């Protein structure tokens, strides 16, 4: 491993690998530091919306069916006694299909893709902290140890004028320089596992009614359950609960998941006790809950900046989109004669992200607050689902697959609302 580079990327998830790909493609010397050894897992629904598929296409990542990529037509919504299928919209901006692909394979696929582009991928390396310039306080590198050595291994210093923190929801790098989460932003908790199923389906399925106990005698929780078919005859089954104020409900999510599977997924043939592996869970940071996205040599990408969509819990597409925007800002900053001019150009990264998503995420924060109230969620499910026009609009809004310019009345309405909403 070299001791100096143009850019150090910490974390080889979708955001980190996308950033490494785009920057290496522009000719920068990029080193990616990943503490695990591939393949490695992460809690995820394994579902990729058309927005995520578009980002894969922009990166040039091949997604052939023979490699396990399974295309789907849209989302089937179940709730309030209704079962309705919503195809992905036909747009000029996004493809009209989604994909499912196991997260254990997705992250490695993207990391290897970045490596082929020219980034150096270093697995089994734990980043222990940042290195800061004594006079300016700027981040100028990181300290690392080999993962297998743990705390006892020798610590080394790697230096670069730009460090990208793609190290997940806890983001020790961000916390180490004082970037705390914004209080009151939505926060979710998700759990998932895998089941074998005899059923074959080309729709992703979402259930809008999750109860904290026996239906009718317990609280309706804000959130949804999902069943996403994979190409190997299994389904990714999970549920996510949401708190609009950043305080997830006090429940035991693993018990909740097993109870929901037994009571609500009978037509999938999921046998109790047949889950494959353990039920695993994770926190989901939403709506730009940690900022600034760039300051003093350190940029945040993906979960480290809370870039998950508060409408639907999708994070992969936005991590890759943020990486693309960061690379654009780095190219603009290249050649700046001093740190002040360089920082001014890199500040364009945050502006671009907020222009893209800020208003939409503000609408999502309002949505998260609304569905915190069980009575509202129940009424929306019961009376809203049977209304096709309303639900086509809602589907576009929640899935974030709408034309930013032009399109039909629903696209124009969402675009107007997003422009009017303040970005924060």
Protein backbone atom coordinates (compact mmCIF):
# COMPACT_ATOMS: atom_id res chain seq x y z
CA UNK A 1 0.00 0.00 0.00
CA UNK A 2 1.31 3.42 -0.96
CA UNK A 3 1.56 6.12 1.67
CA UNK A 4 0.33 8.99 -0.55
CA UNK A 5 -2.46 9.43 -3.08
CA UNK A 6 -4.63 12.14 -4.62
CA UNK A 7 -7.76 10.78 -2.91
CA UNK A 8 -8.35 8.31 -0.08
CA UNK A 9 -11.79 6.68 -0.06
CA UNK A 10 -12.74 5.06 3.24
CA UNK A 11 -15.33 2.33 2.69
CA UNK A 12 -16.06 0.27 -0.44
CA UNK A 13 -19.84 0.34 -0.37
CA UNK A 14 -21.79 1.69 -3.36
CA UNK A 15 -20.94 5.32 -2.58
CA UNK A 16 -17.25 4.75 -1.94
CA UNK A 17 -16.76 2.50 -4.95
CA UNK A 18 -18.67 4.87 -7.23
CA UNK A 19 -16.54 7.79 -6.03
CA UNK A 20 -13.38 5.77 -6.63
CA UNK A 21 -14.56 4.79 -10.11
CA UNK A 22 -15.41 8.32 -11.23
CA UNK A 23 -12.24 9.87 -9.78
CA UNK A 24 -9.95 7.18 -11.18
CA UNK A 25 -11.64 7.59 -14.55
CA UNK A 26 -10.67 11.29 -14.42
CA UNK A 27 -7.04 10.34 -13.85
CA UNK A 28 -6.76 10.84 -10.09
CA UNK A 29 -4.63 8.50 -8.01
CA UNK A 30 -7.27 6.87 -5.78
CA UNK A 31 -6.84 4.41 -2.92
CA UNK A 32 -9.92 2.67 -1.45
CA UNK A 33 -9.67 1.37 2.12
CA UNK A 34 -12.12 -1.38 3.12
CA UNK A 35 -11.91 -2.96 6.56
CA UNK A 36 -13.60 -6.23 5.52
CA UNK A 37 -12.56 -8.84 3.00
CA UNK A 38 -14.92 -9.41 0.08
CA UNK A 39 -17.42 -10.90 -0.13
CA UNK A 40 -19.02 -9.23 2.87
CA UNK A 41 -22.64 -8.58 3.77
CA UNK A 42 -24.65 -5.52 4.73
CA UNK A 43 -28.27 -5.26 5.84
CA UNK A 44 -30.20 -4.32 2.70
CA UNK A 45 -33.35 -5.19 0.79
CA UNK A 46 -31.29 -6.10 -2.30
CA UNK A 47 -33.76 -4.09 -4.40
CA UNK A 48 -32.58 -1.50 -6.92
CA UNK A 49 -35.06 1.08 -8.19
CA UNK A 50 -34.86 2.49 -11.73
CA UNK A 51 -32.94 5.42 -10.22
CA UNK A 52 -30.28 3.01 -8.96
CA UNK A 53 -30.25 1.13 -12.28
CA UNK A 54 -29.58 4.44 -14.03
CA UNK A 55 -26.57 5.08 -11.79
CA UNK A 56 -25.22 1.62 -12.61
CA UNK A 57 -25.65 2.37 -16.29
CA UNK A 58 -23.81 5.69 -15.95
CA UNK A 59 -20.91 3.84 -14.30
CA UNK A 60 -20.86 1.24 -17.07
CA UNK A 61 -21.59 -1.67 -14.72
CA UNK A 62 -22.97 -4.65 -16.72
CA UNK A 63 -26.10 -6.29 -15.27
CA UNK A 64 -26.71 -9.47 -17.34
CA UNK A 65 -29.35 -11.96 -16.10
CA UNK A 66 -26.87 -14.81 -16.34
CA UNK A 67 -24.83 -13.17 -13.55
CA UNK A 68 -27.80 -13.14 -11.19
CA UNK A 69 -29.33 -9.73 -11.90
CA UNK A 70 -33.11 -10.15 -11.85
CA UNK A 71 -35.27 -7.49 -13.51
CA UNK A 72 -38.67 -6.55 -12.11
CA UNK A 73 -41.67 -4.68 -13.49
CA UNK A 74 -42.57 -2.55 -10.50
CA UNK A 75 -44.00 -2.70 -6.98
CA UNK A 76 -47.00 -4.63 -5.74
CA UNK A 77 -48.54 -2.82 -2.77
CA UNK A 78 -50.47 -4.80 -0.14
CA UNK A 79 -52.48 -3.12 2.61
CA UNK A 80 -55.93 -2.22 3.87
CA UNK A 81 -57.44 -5.24 2.16
CA UNK A 82 -56.01 -4.21 -1.22
CA UNK A 83 -53.36 -5.72 -3.49
CA UNK A 84 -52.40 -3.42 -6.37
CA UNK A 85 -49.51 -3.51 -8.86
CA UNK A 86 -47.76 -0.31 -9.88
CA UNK A 87 -45.42 -0.66 -12.88
CA UNK A 88 -42.31 1.49 -12.94
CA UNK A 89 -43.17 4.67 -14.88
CA UNK A 90 -42.09 5.13 -18.47
CA UNK A 91 -39.70 8.11 -18.47
CA UNK A 92 -36.88 9.45 -20.60
CA UNK A 93 -34.62 9.89 -17.54
CA UNK A 94 -34.85 6.43 -15.96
CA UNK A 95 -35.18 2.88 -17.26
CA UNK A 96 -38.62 1.31 -16.87
CA UNK A 97 -37.39 -1.62 -14.78
CA UNK A 98 -35.76 -2.28 -11.44
CA UNK A 99 -33.33 -5.01 -10.41
CA UNK A 100 -32.62 -7.26 -7.48
CA UNK A 101 -29.12 -8.48 -6.72
CA UNK A 102 -27.68 -9.77 -3.42
CA UNK A 103 -25.85 -7.10 -1.45
CA UNK A 104 -23.06 -9.57 -0.70
CA UNK A 105 -22.31 -9.52 -4.43
CA UNK A 106 -23.26 -5.93 -5.28
CA UNK A 107 -20.63 -4.21 -3.16
CA UNK A 108 -17.86 -6.47 -4.42
CA UNK A 109 -19.01 -6.00 -8.03
CA UNK A 110 -18.81 -2.21 -7.68
CA UNK A 111 -15.48 -2.33 -5.84
CA UNK A 112 -13.93 -4.54 -8.54
CA UNK A 113 -15.37 -2.24 -11.19
CA UNK A 114 -13.63 0.73 -9.54
CA UNK A 115 -10.42 -1.30 -9.41
CA UNK A 116 -10.64 -2.03 -13.13
CA UNK A 117 -11.08 1.70 -13.76
CA UNK A 118 -7.78 2.36 -12.00
CA UNK A 119 -8.44 2.72 -8.27
CA UNK A 120 -6.30 0.71 -5.85
CA UNK A 121 -8.54 -1.42 -3.61
CA UNK A 122 -7.08 -2.35 -0.21
CA UNK A 123 -9.14 -4.90 1.74
CA UNK A 124 -8.65 -5.82 5.37
CA UNK A 125 -7.57 -2.30 6.38
CA UNK A 126 -9.12 -0.56 9.39
CA UNK A 127 -9.06 3.24 9.36
CA UNK A 128 -8.52 4.38 12.95
CA UNK A 129 -8.74 8.16 12.54
CA UNK A 130 -7.93 11.24 10.54
CA UNK A 131 -4.63 13.04 10.19
CA UNK A 132 -4.99 16.83 10.42
CA UNK A 133 -2.65 19.66 9.56
CA UNK A 134 -1.41 21.23 12.78
CA UNK A 135 -1.80 24.82 11.56
CA UNK A 136 -4.96 24.75 9.47
CA UNK A 137 -6.81 21.81 10.99
CA UNK A 138 -7.48 20.40 7.53
CA UNK A 139 -7.81 16.65 7.06
CA UNK A 140 -4.71 15.56 5.15
CA UNK A 141 -4.87 11.79 5.57
CA UNK A 142 -5.85 8.89 7.78
CA UNK A 143 -4.25 6.43 10.18
CA UNK A 144 -4.73 2.73 9.45
CA UNK A 145 -4.06 -0.74 10.81
CA UNK A 146 -4.48 -4.11 9.16
CA UNK A 147 -7.87 -5.41 10.26
CA UNK A 148 -6.51 -8.79 11.35
CA UNK A 149 -3.99 -7.07 13.65
CA UNK A 150 -6.71 -5.20 15.55
CA UNK A 151 -5.53 -2.70 18.12
CA UNK A 152 -2.18 -4.39 18.53
CA UNK A 153 -1.03 -3.96 14.93
CA UNK A 154 1.30 -1.19 13.81
CA UNK A 155 -0.42 2.06 12.89
CA UNK A 156 0.52 3.70 9.59
CA UNK A 157 -0.25 7.09 8.07
CA UNK A 158 -1.66 7.52 4.57
CA UNK A 159 -1.84 11.04 3.16
CA UNK A 160 -4.01 12.72 0.53
CA UNK A 161 -5.38 16.24 -0.01
CA UNK A 162 -8.91 14.78 -0.12
CA UNK A 163 -10.42 12.07 2.09
CA UNK A 164 -13.86 10.65 1.25
CA UNK A 165 -15.78 9.27 4.23
CA UNK A 166 -17.97 6.49 2.85
CA UNK A 167 -17.80 4.61 6.14
CA UNK A 168 -21.50 4.18 6.86
CA UNK A 169 -24.07 5.37 9.33
CA UNK A 170 -21.73 5.62 12.32
CA UNK A 171 -19.02 7.41 10.27
CA UNK A 172 -16.19 7.57 12.75
CA UNK A 173 -14.33 9.90 10.42
CA UNK A 174 -17.16 12.45 10.45
CA UNK A 175 -17.58 12.17 14.21
CA UNK A 176 -13.84 12.52 14.66
CA UNK A 177 -13.91 16.01 13.13
CA UNK A 178 -17.05 17.06 15.00
CA UNK A 179 -19.75 16.47 12.42
CA UNK A 180 -22.67 15.27 14.51
CA UNK A 181 -26.07 14.16 13.24
CA UNK A 182 -28.77 16.76 12.89
CA UNK A 183 -31.37 16.18 15.57
CA UNK A 184 -34.95 15.61 14.51
CA UNK A 185 -34.17 14.14 11.08
CA UNK A 186 -35.98 10.89 10.21
CA UNK A 187 -34.29 7.68 11.28
CA UNK A 188 -35.27 4.14 10.42
CA UNK A 189 -34.47 0.66 11.67
CA UNK A 190 -34.52 -2.25 9.22
CA UNK A 191 -34.20 -6.01 9.68
CA UNK A 192 -34.06 -8.68 7.02
CA UNK A 193 -33.37 -12.31 6.29
CA UNK A 194 -33.77 -14.76 3.38
CA UNK A 195 -36.28 -17.52 2.75
CA UNK A 196 -36.55 -20.17 0.05
CA UNK A 197 -39.81 -19.94 -1.88
CA UNK A 198 -41.52 -22.06 -4.53
CA UNK A 199 -43.00 -18.92 -6.08
CA UNK A 200 -41.49 -17.06 -9.03
CA UNK A 201 -42.42 -13.42 -9.39
CA UNK A 202 -41.19 -10.39 -11.34
CA UNK A 203 -42.62 -7.78 -8.95
CA UNK A 204 -41.15 -6.39 -5.75
CA UNK A 205 -43.77 -6.50 -3.02
CA UNK A 206 -44.37 -3.98 -0.23
CA UNK A 207 -46.75 -4.33 2.73
CA UNK A 208 -47.96 -1.07 4.25
CA UNK A 209 -49.47 -2.37 7.49
CA UNK A 210 -47.06 -3.57 10.17
CA UNK A 211 -48.52 -4.20 13.64
CA UNK A 212 -46.59 -4.26 16.89
CA UNK A 213 -48.59 -7.35 18.00
CA UNK A 214 -51.81 -9.07 17.02
CA UNK A 215 -53.61 -7.06 14.27
CA UNK A 216 -56.53 -5.11 15.66
CA UNK A 217 -55.20 -5.22 19.21
CA UNK A 218 -51.92 -3.39 18.87
CA UNK A 219 -50.31 -0.33 17.40
CA UNK A 220 -49.93 0.20 13.66
CA UNK A 221 -46.29 1.11 13.09
CA UNK A 222 -44.96 3.65 10.58
CA UNK A 223 -42.99 1.72 8.01
CA UNK A 224 -43.42 -1.18 5.63
CA UNK A 225 -42.51 -4.80 5.03
CA UNK A 226 -40.99 -6.11 1.82
CA UNK A 227 -40.54 -9.29 -0.15
CA UNK A 228 -38.03 -8.96 -2.99
CA UNK A 229 -37.48 -12.04 -5.22
CA UNK A 230 -33.94 -12.98 -6.20
CA UNK A 231 -32.74 -15.04 -9.15
CA UNK A 232 -31.70 -18.07 -7.07
CA UNK A 233 -35.19 -19.02 -5.86
CA UNK A 234 -34.98 -17.12 -2.58
CA UNK A 235 -36.60 -13.91 -1.40
CA UNK A 236 -35.17 -11.09 0.66
CA UNK A 237 -37.76 -10.53 3.39
CA UNK A 238 -37.59 -7.60 5.76
CA UNK A 239 -39.30 -4.70 7.37
CA UNK A 240 -38.37 -1.17 8.25
CA UNK A 241 -39.87 1.08 10.88
CA UNK A 242 -39.55 4.84 10.72
CA UNK A 243 -39.45 7.71 13.18
CA UNK A 244 -40.05 11.15 11.72
CA UNK A 245 -38.29 12.74 14.69
CA UNK A 246 -35.25 10.47 14.72
CA UNK A 247 -36.35 8.26 17.62
CA UNK A 248 -37.12 4.74 16.32
CA UNK A 249 -39.92 2.91 18.14
CA UNK A 250 -38.96 0.76 21.11
CA UNK A 251 -39.69 -2.65 19.68
CA UNK A 252 -37.74 -5.84 19.13
CA UNK A 253 -37.54 -5.84 15.32
CA UNK A 254 -36.44 -9.45 14.90
CA UNK A 255 -39.46 -10.75 16.79
CA UNK A 256 -41.63 -8.33 14.85
CA UNK A 257 -40.28 -9.64 11.53
CA UNK A 258 -40.94 -13.29 12.37
CA UNK A 259 -44.48 -12.48 13.53
CA UNK A 260 -45.18 -10.54 10.34
CA UNK A 261 -43.85 -13.34 8.13
CA UNK A 262 -46.08 -15.90 9.85
CA UNK A 263 -49.22 -13.74 9.67
CA UNK A 264 -48.96 -11.88 6.35
CA UNK A 265 -46.89 -13.75 3.74
CA UNK A 266 -48.74 -17.05 3.34
CA UNK A 267 -49.03 -16.89 -0.45
CA UNK A 268 -45.24 -16.96 -0.77
CA UNK A 269 -44.86 -20.36 0.86
CA UNK A 270 -42.38 -19.17 3.48
CA UNK A 271 -42.10 -21.94 6.04
CA UNK A 272 -41.58 -20.90 9.70
CA UNK A 273 -38.04 -21.69 10.75
CA UNK A 274 -36.75 -21.98 7.18
CA UNK A 275 -35.02 -18.62 7.11
CA UNK A 276 -31.51 -18.82 5.72
CA UNK A 277 -29.02 -17.37 8.16
CA UNK A 278 -29.70 -15.01 11.02
CA UNK A 279 -32.06 -12.05 11.06
CA UNK A 280 -29.84 -8.97 10.92
CA UNK A 281 -30.67 -5.32 11.43
CA UNK A 282 -29.27 -1.83 10.99
CA UNK A 283 -30.09 1.83 11.47
CA UNK A 284 -31.01 3.91 8.40
CA UNK A 285 -29.95 7.58 8.44
CA UNK A 286 -32.20 9.78 6.31
CA UNK A 287 -32.75 13.22 4.81
CA UNK A 288 -29.19 14.59 4.92
CA UNK A 289 -28.92 14.12 8.67
CA UNK A 290 -25.19 14.87 8.85
CA UNK A 291 -23.62 17.96 7.29
CA UNK A 292 -21.64 19.70 5.89
CA UNK A 293 -20.96 17.27 3.09
CA UNK A 294 -17.54 18.83 2.53
CA UNK A 295 -15.24 20.86 4.73
CA UNK A 296 -11.49 21.10 5.24
CA UNK A 297 -10.42 18.16 3.15
CA UNK A 298 -13.13 15.67 4.21
CA UNK A 299 -16.16 14.80 2.04
CA UNK A 300 -19.13 12.66 3.10
CA UNK A 301 -20.83 10.20 0.73
CA UNK A 302 -23.82 7.91 1.30
CA UNK A 303 -24.89 6.87 4.80
CA UNK A 304 -22.12 8.91 6.41
CA UNK A 305 -24.06 12.01 5.29
CA UNK A 306 -27.51 10.51 5.92
CA UNK A 307 -28.33 10.49 2.22
CA UNK A 308 -31.16 7.91 2.40
CA UNK A 309 -34.54 8.83 0.89
CA UNK A 310 -37.02 9.41 3.77
CA UNK A 311 -39.94 8.39 1.54
CA UNK A 312 -38.83 4.81 0.91
CA UNK A 313 -35.56 4.00 2.72
CA UNK A 314 -33.57 3.75 -0.54
CA UNK A 315 -29.90 4.61 -0.12
CA UNK A 316 -27.88 2.91 -2.84
CA UNK A 317 -28.98 5.16 -5.71
CA UNK A 318 -28.30 8.32 -3.74
CA UNK A 319 -24.88 7.18 -2.55
CA UNK A 320 -23.84 6.60 -6.18
CA UNK A 321 -25.42 9.88 -7.28
CA UNK A 322 -23.56 11.75 -4.54
CA UNK A 323 -20.31 10.10 -5.64
CA UNK A 324 -20.90 11.30 -9.18
CA UNK A 325 -21.54 14.86 -7.97
CA UNK A 326 -18.44 14.78 -5.77
CA UNK A 327 -16.27 13.73 -8.68
CA UNK A 328 -17.59 16.65 -10.73
CA UNK A 329 -16.60 19.05 -7.94
CA UNK A 330 -13.16 17.48 -7.55
CA UNK A 331 -12.50 17.90 -11.26
CA UNK A 332 -13.47 21.56 -11.00
CA UNK A 333 -11.20 22.01 -7.97
CA UNK A 334 -8.24 20.36 -9.65
CA UNK A 335 -5.52 22.85 -10.35
CA UNK A 336 -6.65 25.39 -7.75
CA UNK A 337 -3.68 27.41 -6.57
CA UNK A 338 -4.48 27.34 -2.86
CA UNK A 339 -6.73 25.64 -0.32
CA UNK A 340 -9.22 28.48 -0.25
CA UNK A 341 -9.91 28.29 -3.98
CA UNK A 342 -9.95 24.52 -3.83
CA UNK A 343 -12.48 24.53 -0.99
CA UNK A 344 -14.66 27.00 -2.84
CA UNK A 345 -14.84 24.63 -5.79
CA UNK A 346 -15.44 21.58 -3.59
CA UNK A 347 -18.25 23.39 -1.82
CA UNK A 348 -20.07 23.01 -5.12
CA UNK A 349 -20.56 19.34 -4.19
CA UNK A 350 -22.98 20.24 -1.40
CA UNK A 351 -24.77 22.78 -3.59
CA UNK A 352 -25.25 20.23 -6.37
CA UNK A 353 -26.66 17.62 -3.97
CA UNK A 354 -29.07 20.09 -2.43
CA UNK A 355 -30.15 21.30 -5.86
CA UNK A 356 -30.79 17.67 -6.85
CA UNK A 357 -32.45 16.41 -3.70
CA UNK A 358 -32.80 19.06 -1.01
CA UNK A 359 -36.40 20.10 -1.66
CA UNK A 360 -37.50 16.51 -2.29
CA UNK A 361 -35.92 15.36 0.98
CA UNK A 362 -37.66 18.18 2.82
CA UNK A 363 -40.98 16.86 1.49
CA UNK A 364 -39.88 13.43 2.70
CA UNK A 365 -39.30 14.76 6.20
CA UNK A 366 -42.86 16.08 6.23
CA UNK A 367 -44.11 12.70 5.00
CA UNK A 368 -42.19 10.90 7.77
CA UNK A 369 -43.80 13.14 10.40
CA UNK A 370 -47.28 12.50 8.98
CA UNK A 371 -47.07 8.70 8.95
CA UNK A 372 -45.83 8.76 12.54
CA UNK A 373 -49.55 8.98 13.37
CA UNK A 374 -51.12 5.48 13.04
CA UNK A 375 -54.62 6.81 12.34
CA UNK A 376 -53.40 8.81 9.34
CA UNK A 377 -51.41 5.88 7.98
CA UNK A 378 -54.42 3.58 8.37
CA UNK A 379 -56.76 6.00 6.60
CA UNK A 380 -54.31 6.59 3.74
CA UNK A 381 -53.92 2.85 3.19
CA UNK A 382 -57.62 2.06 3.34
CA UNK A 383 -58.99 4.95 1.28
CA UNK A 384 -56.03 5.98 -0.89
CA UNK A 385 -55.02 2.67 -2.47
CA UNK A 386 -58.28 2.13 -4.43
CA UNK A 387 -57.86 5.49 -6.22
CA UNK A 388 -55.66 4.82 -9.29
CA UNK A 389 -54.91 8.46 -10.18
CA UNK A 390 -53.90 9.35 -6.65
CA UNK A 391 -51.78 6.22 -6.29
CA UNK A 392 -49.94 6.71 -9.59
CA UNK A 393 -48.95 10.14 -8.32
CA UNK A 394 -48.02 8.73 -4.89
CA UNK A 395 -46.02 5.90 -6.46
CA UNK A 396 -43.93 8.35 -8.48
CA UNK A 397 -43.40 10.54 -5.42
CA UNK A 398 -42.42 7.76 -3.04
CA UNK A 399 -40.26 5.83 -5.51
CA UNK A 400 -38.56 9.02 -6.77
CA UNK A 401 -38.97 7.96 -10.39
CA UNK A 402 -40.36 11.09 -12.01
CA UNK A 403 -39.25 13.44 -14.76
CA UNK A 404 -37.43 16.45 -13.28
CA UNK A 405 -38.35 18.43 -16.39
CA UNK A 406 -41.43 17.93 -18.49
CA UNK A 407 -43.39 14.70 -18.12
CA UNK A 408 -47.07 14.45 -17.21
CA UNK A 409 -49.08 16.39 -14.62
CA UNK A 410 -47.77 14.19 -11.79
CA UNK A 411 -44.13 14.82 -12.76
CA UNK A 412 -44.73 18.56 -13.02
CA UNK A 413 -46.54 18.66 -9.67
CA UNK A 414 -43.75 16.79 -7.86
CA UNK A 415 -41.09 18.96 -9.51
CA UNK A 416 -42.93 22.12 -8.46
CA UNK A 417 -43.34 20.93 -4.88
CA UNK A 418 -39.66 19.98 -4.69
CA UNK A 419 -38.60 23.38 -6.00
CA UNK A 420 -40.86 25.21 -3.55
CA UNK A 421 -39.71 23.22 -0.52
CA UNK A 422 -36.68 24.71 1.28
CA UNK A 423 -33.49 22.67 1.18
CA UNK A 424 -31.78 22.04 4.49
